[in-house]
Amino acid sequence: MDFMGGAVEIVACDPSSPDARAMSDALWEEIQGRYGFTATNPFDPVDFSGPVGGFWVAVDSEGKPVGSIAVTPLDPPAAELDVMYVAP
């Protein structure tokens, strides 16, 4: 897939991986800046586990994370999209 002039691959990853943490931290920084507050990042990797949970990272041709999306399980079989972020 091409994104902003370069190849991007979307890969499943462990929600506690450095790439997943980098994307959730980047999203949290964006949220704090947009709404004018500071707080500890509330995203917990455990929230994205289970039979319907998951975390995916978009990586560029150099392997750098440039986006993410996660699925958070709710009451089965429901789930919600979370940690949707694309680096500027």
Protein backbone atom coordinates (compact mmCIF):
# COMPACT_ATOMS: atom_id res chain seq x y z
CA MET A 1 0.00 0.00 0.00
CA ASP A 2 1.34 3.47 -0.83
CA PHE A 3 0.94 6.23 1.71
CA MET A 4 2.19 9.78 1.27
CA GLY A 5 4.48 8.71 -1.54
CA GLY A 6 5.94 5.64 0.14
CA ALA A 7 5.13 2.02 0.81
CA VAL A 8 3.30 1.21 4.02
CA GLU A 9 2.66 -2.21 5.49
CA ILE A 10 0.07 -2.87 8.21
CA VAL A 11 1.22 -5.53 10.64
CA ALA A 12 -0.30 -7.11 13.74
CA CYS A 13 1.86 -6.60 16.79
CA ASP A 14 1.97 -7.22 20.49
CA PRO A 15 0.15 -4.30 22.20
CA SER A 16 3.08 -4.00 24.63
CA SER A 17 5.69 -3.77 21.84
CA PRO A 18 7.81 -0.63 21.43
CA ASP A 19 6.01 0.23 18.14
CA ALA A 20 2.56 -0.07 19.75
CA ARG A 21 3.70 2.03 22.71
CA ALA A 22 5.21 4.66 20.39
CA MET A 23 1.89 5.01 18.55
CA SER A 24 -0.24 5.15 21.71
CA ASP A 25 2.17 7.72 23.19
CA ALA A 26 2.00 9.82 20.01
CA LEU A 27 -1.80 9.70 20.06
CA TRP A 28 -1.87 10.64 23.74
CA GLU A 29 0.46 13.61 23.11
CA GLU A 30 -1.87 14.74 20.29
CA ILE A 31 -4.94 14.48 22.55
CA GLN A 32 -3.27 16.43 25.38
CA GLY A 33 -2.08 19.16 23.04
CA ARG A 34 -5.45 19.46 21.34
CA TYR A 35 -7.44 19.70 24.58
CA GLY A 36 -4.87 21.53 26.72
CA PHE A 37 -4.14 19.16 29.60
CA THR A 38 -1.44 16.78 30.77
CA ALA A 39 -1.89 13.31 32.24
CA THR A 40 -0.31 9.89 32.22
CA ASN A 41 -1.01 7.82 29.11
CA PRO A 42 -4.04 5.66 30.07
CA PHE A 43 -3.60 3.03 27.36
CA ASP A 44 -2.97 -0.40 28.87
CA PRO A 45 -1.77 -3.17 26.52
CA VAL A 46 -4.01 -5.65 28.35
CA ASP A 47 -7.04 -3.72 27.06
CA PHE A 48 -6.29 -4.94 23.52
CA SER A 49 -6.02 -8.65 24.26
CA GLY A 50 -8.52 -11.47 24.10
CA PRO A 51 -10.20 -13.33 21.28
CA VAL A 52 -11.51 -10.17 19.57
CA GLY A 53 -8.78 -7.74 20.66
CA GLY A 54 -5.70 -6.77 18.72
CA PHE A 55 -3.22 -4.06 17.78
CA TRP A 56 -1.94 -3.20 14.30
CA VAL A 57 0.79 -0.77 13.31
CA ALA A 58 1.41 0.78 9.90
CA VAL A 59 5.14 0.84 9.18
CA ASP A 60 6.91 2.68 6.38
CA SER A 61 9.52 1.20 4.05
CA GLU A 62 12.19 1.77 6.73
CA GLY A 63 10.20 -0.08 9.40
CA LYS A 64 9.27 3.11 11.26
CA PRO A 65 5.75 3.12 12.78
CA VAL A 66 3.57 5.75 11.10
CA GLY A 67 0.09 4.77 12.24
CA SER A 68 -1.96 2.42 14.36
CA ILE A 69 -5.34 0.97 15.14
CA ALA A 70 -6.47 -1.35 17.90
CA VAL A 71 -9.57 -3.34 18.74
CA THR A 72 -10.72 -3.29 22.37
CA PRO A 73 -13.04 -6.11 23.45
CA LEU A 74 -16.28 -5.10 25.15
CA ASP A 75 -19.08 -7.44 26.20
CA PRO A 76 -18.89 -10.37 23.74
CA PRO A 77 -19.22 -10.26 20.85
CA ALA A 78 -18.91 -6.45 20.81
CA ALA A 79 -15.64 -4.55 20.38
CA GLU A 80 -14.57 -1.01 19.57
CA LEU A 81 -11.86 0.59 17.46
CA ASP A 82 -9.26 2.40 19.54
CA VAL A 83 -5.81 4.01 19.26
CA MET A 84 -6.51 5.21 15.72
CA TYR A 85 -3.54 7.40 14.84
CA VAL A 86 -1.63 8.48 11.76
CA ALA A 87 1.63 10.37 12.21
CA PRO A 88 1.61 13.85 10.64
